[in-house]
Amino acid sequence: MQTIDLQGPQGNAYALLGIAKSLSKQLRFPMDKAEGIVVDMMQGSYNDLLTVFEHNFGEYVQLINKPGEEC
């Protein structure tokens, strides 16, 4: 399982969007599902983006140091 430190360089929204696109391709998600995930990630706040990311990729990626989480 891959771990992403949200306080590190991979933790910004643009990096997470790129990772989501890459994982969608690796996992062979249908194009419409992959595009839908990215659109959903961009709809709300950063915390919403994290929620969508974890819902779709939480089985493969662990996010650490989330906002409001004890380090």
PDB file of N, CA and C in Angstrom:
ATOM      1  N   MET A   1       0.844  -1.184   0.000  1.00  0.00           N
ATOM      2  CA  MET A   1       0.000   0.000   0.000  1.00  0.00           C
ATOM      3  C   MET A   1       0.886   1.242   0.000  1.00  0.00           C
ATOM      4  N   GLN A   2       0.571   2.150  -0.875  1.00  0.00           N
ATOM      5  CA  GLN A   2       1.297   3.414  -0.967  1.00  0.00           C
ATOM      6  C   GLN A   2       0.813   4.351   0.136  1.00  0.00           C
ATOM      7  N   THR A   3       1.721   5.133   0.711  1.00  0.00           N
ATOM      8  CA  THR A   3       1.374   6.123   1.723  1.00  0.00           C
ATOM      9  C   THR A   3       1.707   7.504   1.178  1.00  0.00           C
ATOM     10  N   ILE A   4       0.776   8.442   1.356  1.00  0.00           N
ATOM     11  CA  ILE A   4       1.000   9.821   0.940  1.00  0.00           C
ATOM     12  C   ILE A   4       0.892  10.712   2.166  1.00  0.00           C
ATOM     13  N   ASP A   5       1.961  11.439   2.435  1.00  0.00           N
ATOM     14  CA  ASP A   5       1.976  12.416   3.526  1.00  0.00           C
ATOM     15  C   ASP A   5       1.374  13.706   2.983  1.00  0.00           C
ATOM     16  N   LEU A   6       0.229  14.080   3.506  1.00  0.00           N
ATOM     17  CA  LEU A   6      -0.465  15.264   3.002  1.00  0.00           C
ATOM     18  C   LEU A   6       0.266  16.562   3.319  1.00  0.00           C
ATOM     19  N   GLN A   7       1.242  16.508   4.211  1.00  0.00           N
ATOM     20  CA  GLN A   7       2.041  17.701   4.501  1.00  0.00           C
ATOM     21  C   GLN A   7       3.278  17.775   3.609  1.00  0.00           C
ATOM     22  N   GLY A   8       3.480  16.752   2.796  1.00  0.00           N
ATOM     23  CA  GLY A   8       4.612  16.709   1.873  1.00  0.00           C
ATOM     24  C   GLY A   8       4.213  17.177   0.485  1.00  0.00           C
ATOM     25  N   PRO A   9       5.142  17.081  -0.464  1.00  0.00           N
ATOM     26  CA  PRO A   9       4.900  17.581  -1.814  1.00  0.00           C
ATOM     27  C   PRO A   9       3.778  16.855  -2.565  1.00  0.00           C
ATOM     28  N   GLN A  10       3.481  15.629  -2.204  1.00  0.00           N
ATOM     29  CA  GLN A  10       2.396  14.902  -2.865  1.00  0.00           C
ATOM     30  C   GLN A  10       1.034  15.211  -2.258  1.00  0.00           C
ATOM     31  N   GLY A  11       1.024  16.020  -1.215  1.00  0.00           N
ATOM     32  CA  GLY A  11      -0.219  16.284  -0.499  1.00  0.00           C
ATOM     33  C   GLY A  11      -1.030  17.452  -1.014  1.00  0.00           C
ATOM     34  N   ASN A  12      -0.514  18.194  -1.997  1.00  0.00           N
ATOM     35  CA  ASN A  12      -1.319  19.309  -2.498  1.00  0.00           C
ATOM     36  C   ASN A  12      -2.385  18.789  -3.463  1.00  0.00           C
ATOM     37  N   ALA A  13      -3.396  19.600  -3.681  1.00  0.00           N
ATOM     38  CA  ALA A  13      -4.551  19.171  -4.479  1.00  0.00           C
ATOM     39  C   ALA A  13      -4.152  18.760  -5.892  1.00  0.00           C
ATOM     40  N   TYR A  14      -3.271  19.511  -6.521  1.00  0.00           N
ATOM     41  CA  TYR A  14      -2.873  19.191  -7.901  1.00  0.00           C
ATOM     42  C   TYR A  14      -2.144  17.854  -7.980  1.00  0.00           C
ATOM     43  N   ALA A  15      -1.282  17.586  -7.009  1.00  0.00           N
ATOM     44  CA  ALA A  15      -0.572  16.307  -6.988  1.00  0.00           C
ATOM     45  C   ALA A  15      -1.556  15.159  -6.780  1.00  0.00           C
ATOM     46  N   LEU A  16      -2.521  15.339  -5.887  1.00  0.00           N
ATOM     47  CA  LEU A  16      -3.500  14.285  -5.625  1.00  0.00           C
ATOM     48  C   LEU A  16      -4.384  14.030  -6.842  1.00  0.00           C
ATOM     49  N   LEU A  17      -4.714  15.085  -7.575  1.00  0.00           N
ATOM     50  CA  LEU A  17      -5.481  14.910  -8.808  1.00  0.00           C
ATOM     51  C   LEU A  17      -4.674  14.093  -9.826  1.00  0.00           C
ATOM     52  N   GLY A  18      -3.388  14.383  -9.929  1.00  0.00           N
ATOM     53  CA  GLY A  18      -2.520  13.628 -10.830  1.00  0.00           C
ATOM     54  C   GLY A  18      -2.399  12.175 -10.424  1.00  0.00           C
ATOM     55  N   ILE A  19      -2.290  11.948  -9.132  1.00  0.00           N
ATOM     56  CA  ILE A  19      -2.201  10.576  -8.618  1.00  0.00           C
ATOM     57  C   ILE A  19      -3.502   9.831  -8.901  1.00  0.00           C
ATOM     58  N   ALA A  20      -4.622  10.514  -8.720  1.00  0.00           N
ATOM     59  CA  ALA A  20      -5.930   9.891  -8.997  1.00  0.00           C
ATOM     60  C   ALA A  20      -6.031   9.498 -10.467  1.00  0.00           C
ATOM     61  N   LYS A  21      -5.586  10.363 -11.357  1.00  0.00           N
ATOM     62  CA  LYS A  21      -5.620  10.049 -12.789  1.00  0.00           C
ATOM     63  C   LYS A  21      -4.738   8.844 -13.096  1.00  0.00           C
ATOM     64  N   SER A  22      -3.542   8.838 -12.525  1.00  0.00           N
ATOM     65  CA  SER A  22      -2.607   7.744 -12.750  1.00  0.00           C
ATOM     66  C   SER A  22      -3.146   6.422 -12.211  1.00  0.00           C
ATOM     67  N   LEU A  23      -3.676   6.459 -10.991  1.00  0.00           N
ATOM     68  CA  LEU A  23      -4.225   5.232 -10.408  1.00  0.00           C
ATOM     69  C   LEU A  23      -5.427   4.729 -11.204  1.00  0.00           C
ATOM     70  N   SER A  24      -6.258   5.642 -11.660  1.00  0.00           N
ATOM     71  CA  SER A  24      -7.416   5.246 -12.464  1.00  0.00           C
ATOM     72  C   SER A  24      -6.971   4.488 -13.709  1.00  0.00           C
ATOM     73  N   LYS A  25      -5.898   4.973 -14.309  1.00  0.00           N
ATOM     74  CA  LYS A  25      -5.369   4.311 -15.507  1.00  0.00           C
ATOM     75  C   LYS A  25      -4.782   2.939 -15.143  1.00  0.00           C
ATOM     76  N   GLN A  26      -3.986   2.887 -14.055  1.00  0.00           N
ATOM     77  CA  GLN A  26      -3.376   1.633 -13.632  1.00  0.00           C
ATOM     78  C   GLN A  26      -4.418   0.587 -13.255  1.00  0.00           C
ATOM     79  N   LEU A  27      -5.506   1.054 -12.643  1.00  0.00           N
ATOM     80  CA  LEU A  27      -6.562   0.142 -12.208  1.00  0.00           C
ATOM     81  C   LEU A  27      -7.573  -0.145 -13.316  1.00  0.00           C
ATOM     82  N   ARG A  28      -7.322   0.456 -14.476  1.00  0.00           N
ATOM     83  CA  ARG A  28      -8.162   0.251 -15.665  1.00  0.00           C
ATOM     84  C   ARG A  28      -9.621   0.611 -15.437  1.00  0.00           C
ATOM     85  N   PHE A  29      -9.813   1.742 -14.733  1.00  0.00           N
ATOM     86  CA  PHE A  29     -11.171   2.250 -14.577  1.00  0.00           C
ATOM     87  C   PHE A  29     -11.668   2.702 -15.947  1.00  0.00           C
ATOM     88  N   PRO A  30     -12.954   2.544 -16.215  1.00  0.00           N
ATOM     89  CA  PRO A  30     -13.497   3.100 -17.459  1.00  0.00           C
ATOM     90  C   PRO A  30     -13.268   4.619 -17.491  1.00  0.00           C
ATOM     91  N   MET A  31     -13.087   5.170 -18.684  1.00  0.00           N
ATOM     92  CA  MET A  31     -12.769   6.580 -18.835  1.00  0.00           C
ATOM     93  C   MET A  31     -13.797   7.474 -18.148  1.00  0.00           C
ATOM     94  N   ASP A  32     -15.081   7.156 -18.267  1.00  0.00           N
ATOM     95  CA  ASP A  32     -16.104   8.008 -17.661  1.00  0.00           C
ATOM     96  C   ASP A  32     -16.024   7.978 -16.135  1.00  0.00           C
ATOM     97  N   LYS A  33     -15.677   6.829 -15.552  1.00  0.00           N
ATOM     98  CA  LYS A  33     -15.517   6.750 -14.098  1.00  0.00           C
ATOM     99  C   LYS A  33     -14.302   7.562 -13.658  1.00  0.00           C
ATOM    100  N   ALA A  34     -13.200   7.429 -14.365  1.00  0.00           N
ATOM    101  CA  ALA A  34     -11.976   8.167 -14.017  1.00  0.00           C
ATOM    102  C   ALA A  34     -12.216   9.672 -14.092  1.00  0.00           C
ATOM    103  N   GLU A  35     -12.874  10.113 -15.156  1.00  0.00           N
ATOM    104  CA  GLU A  35     -13.163  11.539 -15.304  1.00  0.00           C
ATOM    105  C   GLU A  35     -14.125  12.019 -14.221  1.00  0.00           C
ATOM    106  N   GLY A  36     -15.095  11.176 -13.865  1.00  0.00           N
ATOM    107  CA  GLY A  36     -16.047  11.522 -12.817  1.00  0.00           C
ATOM    108  C   GLY A  36     -15.381  11.698 -11.469  1.00  0.00           C
ATOM    109  N   ILE A  37     -14.403  10.856 -11.177  1.00  0.00           N
ATOM    110  CA  ILE A  37     -13.668  10.963  -9.911  1.00  0.00           C
ATOM    111  C   ILE A  37     -12.948  12.306  -9.848  1.00  0.00           C
ATOM    112  N   VAL A  38     -12.263  12.668 -10.927  1.00  0.00           N
ATOM    113  CA  VAL A  38     -11.519  13.932 -10.952  1.00  0.00           C
ATOM    114  C   VAL A  38     -12.478  15.112 -10.808  1.00  0.00           C
ATOM    115  N   VAL A  39     -13.601  15.072 -11.510  1.00  0.00           N
ATOM    116  CA  VAL A  39     -14.591  16.153 -11.397  1.00  0.00           C
ATOM    117  C   VAL A  39     -15.101  16.250  -9.964  1.00  0.00           C
ATOM    118  N   ASP A  40     -15.424  15.113  -9.360  1.00  0.00           N
ATOM    119  CA  ASP A  40     -15.896  15.113  -7.973  1.00  0.00           C
ATOM    120  C   ASP A  40     -14.839  15.666  -7.023  1.00  0.00           C
ATOM    121  N   MET A  41     -13.577  15.339  -7.267  1.00  0.00           N
ATOM    122  CA  MET A  41     -12.500  15.837  -6.412  1.00  0.00           C
ATOM    123  C   MET A  41     -12.374  17.357  -6.492  1.00  0.00           C
ATOM    124  N   MET A  42     -12.704  17.928  -7.642  1.00  0.00           N
ATOM    125  CA  MET A  42     -12.545  19.375  -7.828  1.00  0.00           C
ATOM    126  C   MET A  42     -13.787  20.172  -7.406  1.00  0.00           C
ATOM    127  N   GLN A  43     -14.863  19.510  -7.024  1.00  0.00           N
ATOM    128  CA  GLN A  43     -16.120  20.178  -6.725  1.00  0.00           C
ATOM    129  C   GLN A  43     -16.105  21.003  -5.439  1.00  0.00           C
ATOM    130  N   GLY A  44     -15.467  20.521  -4.404  1.00  0.00           N
ATOM    131  CA  GLY A  44     -15.602  21.159  -3.100  1.00  0.00           C
ATOM    132  C   GLY A  44     -14.275  21.620  -2.522  1.00  0.00           C
ATOM    133  N   SER A  45     -14.196  21.512  -1.223  1.00  0.00           N
ATOM    134  CA  SER A  45     -13.008  21.936  -0.480  1.00  0.00           C
ATOM    135  C   SER A  45     -11.901  20.874  -0.571  1.00  0.00           C
ATOM    136  N   TYR A  46     -10.766  21.208   0.005  1.00  0.00           N
ATOM    137  CA  TYR A  46      -9.652  20.256   0.064  1.00  0.00           C
ATOM    138  C   TYR A  46     -10.076  19.000   0.824  1.00  0.00           C
ATOM    139  N   ASN A  47     -10.821  19.173   1.908  1.00  0.00           N
ATOM    140  CA  ASN A  47     -11.286  18.014   2.674  1.00  0.00           C
ATOM    141  C   ASN A  47     -12.234  17.156   1.849  1.00  0.00           C
ATOM    142  N   ASP A  48     -13.069  17.782   1.028  1.00  0.00           N
ATOM    143  CA  ASP A  48     -13.943  17.026   0.125  1.00  0.00           C
ATOM    144  C   ASP A  48     -13.110  16.236  -0.880  1.00  0.00           C
ATOM    145  N   LEU A  49     -12.067  16.856  -1.398  1.00  0.00           N
ATOM    146  CA  LEU A  49     -11.163  16.195  -2.331  1.00  0.00           C
ATOM    147  C   LEU A  49     -10.570  14.945  -1.676  1.00  0.00           C
ATOM    148  N   LEU A  50     -10.148  15.072  -0.425  1.00  0.00           N
ATOM    149  CA  LEU A  50      -9.569  13.933   0.289  1.00  0.00           C
ATOM    150  C   LEU A  50     -10.592  12.823   0.484  1.00  0.00           C
ATOM    151  N   THR A  51     -11.821  13.203   0.783  1.00  0.00           N
ATOM    152  CA  THR A  51     -12.882  12.215   0.987  1.00  0.00           C
ATOM    153  C   THR A  51     -13.136  11.421  -0.290  1.00  0.00           C
ATOM    154  N   VAL A  52     -13.228  12.108  -1.424  1.00  0.00           N
ATOM    155  CA  VAL A  52     -13.454  11.436  -2.702  1.00  0.00           C
ATOM    156  C   VAL A  52     -12.258  10.540  -3.035  1.00  0.00           C
ATOM    157  N   PHE A  53     -11.051  11.050  -2.812  1.00  0.00           N
ATOM    158  CA  PHE A  53      -9.843  10.273  -3.087  1.00  0.00           C
ATOM    159  C   PHE A  53      -9.848   8.987  -2.265  1.00  0.00           C
ATOM    160  N   GLU A  54     -10.098   9.114  -0.966  1.00  0.00           N
ATOM    161  CA  GLU A  54     -10.084   7.933  -0.098  1.00  0.00           C
ATOM    162  C   GLU A  54     -11.199   6.957  -0.457  1.00  0.00           C
ATOM    163  N   HIS A  55     -12.353   7.464  -0.826  1.00  0.00           N
ATOM    164  CA  HIS A  55     -13.467   6.592  -1.204  1.00  0.00           C
ATOM    165  C   HIS A  55     -13.091   5.721  -2.407  1.00  0.00           C
ATOM    166  N   ASN A  56     -12.373   6.302  -3.349  1.00  0.00           N
ATOM    167  CA  ASN A  56     -12.046   5.593  -4.584  1.00  0.00           C
ATOM    168  C   ASN A  56     -10.720   4.838  -4.549  1.00  0.00           C
ATOM    169  N   PHE A  57      -9.774   5.316  -3.736  1.00  0.00           N
ATOM    170  CA  PHE A  57      -8.435   4.717  -3.761  1.00  0.00           C
ATOM    171  C   PHE A  57      -7.922   4.305  -2.383  1.00  0.00           C
ATOM    172  N   GLY A  58      -8.767   4.380  -1.373  1.00  0.00           N
ATOM    173  CA  GLY A  58      -8.351   4.062  -0.003  1.00  0.00           C
ATOM    174  C   GLY A  58      -7.854   2.638   0.181  1.00  0.00           C
ATOM    175  N   GLU A  59      -8.256   1.766  -0.708  1.00  0.00           N
ATOM    176  CA  GLU A  59      -7.808   0.379  -0.665  1.00  0.00           C
ATOM    177  C   GLU A  59      -6.343   0.257  -1.097  1.00  0.00           C
ATOM    178  N   TYR A  60      -5.866   1.260  -1.833  1.00  0.00           N
ATOM    179  CA  TYR A  60      -4.528   1.217  -2.428  1.00  0.00           C
ATOM    180  C   TYR A  60      -3.571   2.262  -1.861  1.00  0.00           C
ATOM    181  N   VAL A  61      -4.138   3.336  -1.298  1.00  0.00           N
ATOM    182  CA  VAL A  61      -3.322   4.466  -0.830  1.00  0.00           C
ATOM    183  C   VAL A  61      -3.787   4.885   0.555  1.00  0.00           C
ATOM    184  N   GLN A  62      -2.827   5.088   1.448  1.00  0.00           N
ATOM    185  CA  GLN A  62      -3.129   5.592   2.785  1.00  0.00           C
ATOM    186  C   GLN A  62      -2.698   7.054   2.852  1.00  0.00           C
ATOM    187  N   LEU A  63      -3.614   7.925   3.238  1.00  0.00           N
ATOM    188  CA  LEU A  63      -3.300   9.337   3.419  1.00  0.00           C
ATOM    189  C   LEU A  63      -2.990   9.579   4.889  1.00  0.00           C
ATOM    190  N   ILE A  64      -1.842  10.207   5.157  1.00  0.00           N
ATOM    191  CA  ILE A  64      -1.471  10.503   6.540  1.00  0.00           C
ATOM    192  C   ILE A  64      -1.321  12.005   6.706  1.00  0.00           C
ATOM    193  N   ASN A  65      -1.361  12.446   7.970  1.00  0.00           N
ATOM    194  CA  ASN A  65      -1.250  13.865   8.334  1.00  0.00           C
ATOM    195  C   ASN A  65      -2.347  14.706   7.700  1.00  0.00           C
ATOM    196  N   LYS A  66      -3.592  14.220   7.838  1.00  0.00           N
ATOM    197  CA  LYS A  66      -4.736  14.956   7.324  1.00  0.00           C
ATOM    198  C   LYS A  66      -4.946  16.213   8.155  1.00  0.00           C
ATOM    199  N   PRO A  67      -5.550  17.241   7.553  1.00  0.00           N
ATOM    200  CA  PRO A  67      -5.846  18.461   8.315  1.00  0.00           C
ATOM    201  C   PRO A  67      -6.689  18.133   9.551  1.00  0.00           C
ATOM    202  N   GLY A  68      -6.273  18.667  10.679  1.00  0.00           N
ATOM    203  CA  GLY A  68      -6.985  18.438  11.932  1.00  0.00           C
ATOM    204  C   GLY A  68      -6.643  17.136  12.618  1.00  0.00           C
ATOM    205  N   GLU A  69      -5.772  16.348  12.026  1.00  0.00           N
ATOM    206  CA  GLU A  69      -5.368  15.064  12.580  1.00  0.00           C
ATOM    207  C   GLU A  69      -4.084  15.252  13.380  1.00  0.00           C
ATOM    208  N   GLU A  70      -4.018  14.604  14.534  1.00  0.00           N
ATOM    209  CA  GLU A  70      -2.796  14.657  15.337  1.00  0.00           C
ATOM    210  C   GLU A  70      -1.650  14.004  14.579  1.00  0.00           C
ATOM    211  N   CYS A  71      -0.486  14.624  14.602  1.00  0.00           N
ATOM    212  CA  CYS A  71       0.689  14.045  13.919  1.00  0.00           C
ATOM    213  C   CYS A  71       1.337  12.971  14.738  1.00  0.00           C
TER     214      CYS A  71
END
